[in-house]
Amino acid sequence: MGFQTEFNSVCKFKSEQELFELLEYGRGKMVKSGFRVFPAGQKVIAYTPDNQAIAIVKILASIAEINFQGDEVTQVEMELVRKLTEEEARIQTSLAHEMFFGERA
């Protein structure tokens, strides 16, 4: 048991439904496995499940808990700041692949 710190600029969705709700309603949440730290008030780049940059979001709350099944989970509540332009998304996706999602040396 322990907390895993997330990268300062990454908020990757694993669920298309959670991402859809954020983009459709301007607010949403995602559930991540394990205890993780997402600093409230921080703006981060949101990524689709296939690692494509899509938007800037603001973290509203991060709640780490053990659910009824005994699993460690973190719920992250956020609001949409804005969607990225096509050029911003392309550049951020390329940088994130090199920095976070690509092969590790």
Protein backbone atom coordinates (compact mmCIF):
# COMPACT_ATOMS: atom_id res chain seq x y z
CA MET A 1 0.00 0.00 0.00
CA GLY A 2 1.23 3.48 -0.85
CA PHE A 3 0.48 6.51 -2.94
CA GLN A 4 1.65 6.83 -6.52
CA THR A 5 2.31 10.39 -7.66
CA GLU A 6 0.89 11.30 -11.06
CA PHE A 7 2.89 13.34 -13.57
CA ASN A 8 2.25 17.06 -13.28
CA SER A 9 0.72 17.37 -16.73
CA VAL A 10 -1.04 14.04 -17.29
CA CYS A 11 -4.62 12.99 -16.63
CA LYS A 12 -5.24 9.86 -18.73
CA PHE A 13 -8.74 8.46 -19.04
CA LYS A 14 -9.17 4.68 -19.17
CA SER A 15 -12.91 4.90 -19.87
CA GLU A 16 -14.45 6.47 -22.98
CA GLN A 17 -17.66 7.05 -20.97
CA GLU A 18 -15.87 9.12 -18.29
CA LEU A 19 -14.18 11.20 -21.01
CA PHE A 20 -17.48 11.68 -22.88
CA GLU A 21 -19.19 12.96 -19.71
CA LEU A 22 -16.41 15.49 -19.11
CA LEU A 23 -16.52 16.80 -22.69
CA GLU A 24 -20.34 16.77 -22.87
CA TYR A 25 -21.17 18.32 -19.48
CA GLY A 26 -18.01 20.26 -18.63
CA ARG A 27 -17.54 18.34 -15.37
CA GLY A 28 -16.79 14.75 -14.65
CA LYS A 29 -14.85 12.21 -12.67
CA MET A 30 -12.66 9.24 -13.31
CA VAL A 31 -11.73 6.30 -11.15
CA LYS A 32 -8.13 5.06 -11.11
CA SER A 33 -6.85 1.88 -9.51
CA GLY A 34 -4.52 2.25 -6.53
CA PHE A 35 -3.89 5.23 -4.30
CA ARG A 36 -2.77 8.21 -6.39
CA VAL A 37 -2.13 11.88 -5.75
CA PHE A 38 -3.80 14.44 -8.03
CA PRO A 39 -3.25 17.95 -6.59
CA ALA A 40 -6.56 19.84 -6.34
CA GLY A 41 -6.59 23.15 -8.19
CA GLN A 42 -3.96 22.06 -10.71
CA LYS A 43 -4.63 22.31 -14.45
CA VAL A 44 -3.49 19.30 -16.48
CA ILE A 45 -3.70 17.92 -19.99
CA ALA A 46 -6.33 15.19 -20.39
CA TYR A 47 -5.60 12.23 -22.64
CA THR A 48 -7.92 9.73 -24.30
CA PRO A 49 -7.57 6.00 -23.58
CA ASP A 50 -5.40 5.73 -26.72
CA ASN A 51 -2.97 8.44 -25.45
CA GLN A 52 -4.22 11.36 -27.56
CA ALA A 53 -4.19 14.82 -25.94
CA ILE A 54 -7.69 16.26 -25.98
CA ALA A 55 -8.30 18.99 -23.38
CA ILE A 56 -7.12 21.07 -20.45
CA VAL A 57 -8.89 20.16 -17.22
CA LYS A 58 -8.75 21.47 -13.67
CA ILE A 59 -8.58 18.96 -10.83
CA LEU A 60 -11.30 19.78 -8.28
CA ALA A 61 -10.84 16.90 -5.83
CA SER A 62 -8.95 13.65 -5.45
CA ILE A 63 -10.27 11.03 -3.04
CA ALA A 64 -8.28 7.85 -2.32
CA GLU A 65 -10.15 5.04 -0.58
CA ILE A 66 -10.64 1.32 -0.26
CA ASN A 67 -13.96 0.41 -1.92
CA PHE A 68 -16.47 -2.24 -0.81
CA GLN A 69 -14.65 -4.89 -2.84
CA GLY A 70 -11.45 -4.15 -0.89
CA ASP A 71 -9.69 -2.48 -3.84
CA GLU A 72 -7.57 0.65 -3.46
CA VAL A 73 -9.03 3.31 -5.79
CA THR A 74 -8.74 7.03 -6.36
CA GLN A 75 -11.65 9.12 -7.64
CA VAL A 76 -10.69 12.33 -9.39
CA GLU A 77 -13.27 15.06 -9.93
CA MET A 78 -12.51 17.66 -12.60
CA GLU A 79 -13.91 20.41 -14.75
CA LEU A 80 -13.20 21.14 -18.39
CA VAL A 81 -11.18 24.31 -18.93
CA ARG A 82 -11.18 23.97 -22.74
CA LYS A 83 -10.65 21.50 -25.55
CA LEU A 84 -7.29 21.69 -27.29
CA THR A 85 -7.01 22.95 -30.86
CA GLU A 86 -5.95 20.40 -33.47
CA GLU A 87 -2.38 21.76 -33.51
CA GLU A 88 -2.10 21.87 -29.69
CA ALA A 89 -3.40 18.30 -29.46
CA ARG A 90 -0.92 17.06 -32.06
CA ILE A 91 2.06 18.69 -30.30
CA GLN A 92 0.99 17.62 -26.79
CA THR A 93 0.37 14.06 -27.97
CA SER A 94 3.83 13.88 -29.52
CA LEU A 95 5.52 15.29 -26.41
CA ALA A 96 3.59 13.02 -24.05
CA HIS A 97 4.52 9.96 -26.07
CA GLU A 98 8.19 10.89 -25.75
CA MET A 99 7.97 11.86 -22.07
CA PHE A 100 5.35 9.57 -20.51
CA PHE A 101 3.81 6.93 -22.75
CA GLY A 102 6.71 5.83 -24.95
CA GLU A 103 9.35 3.24 -24.25
CA ARG A 104 11.47 3.82 -21.18
CA ALA A 105 15.25 3.73 -21.52
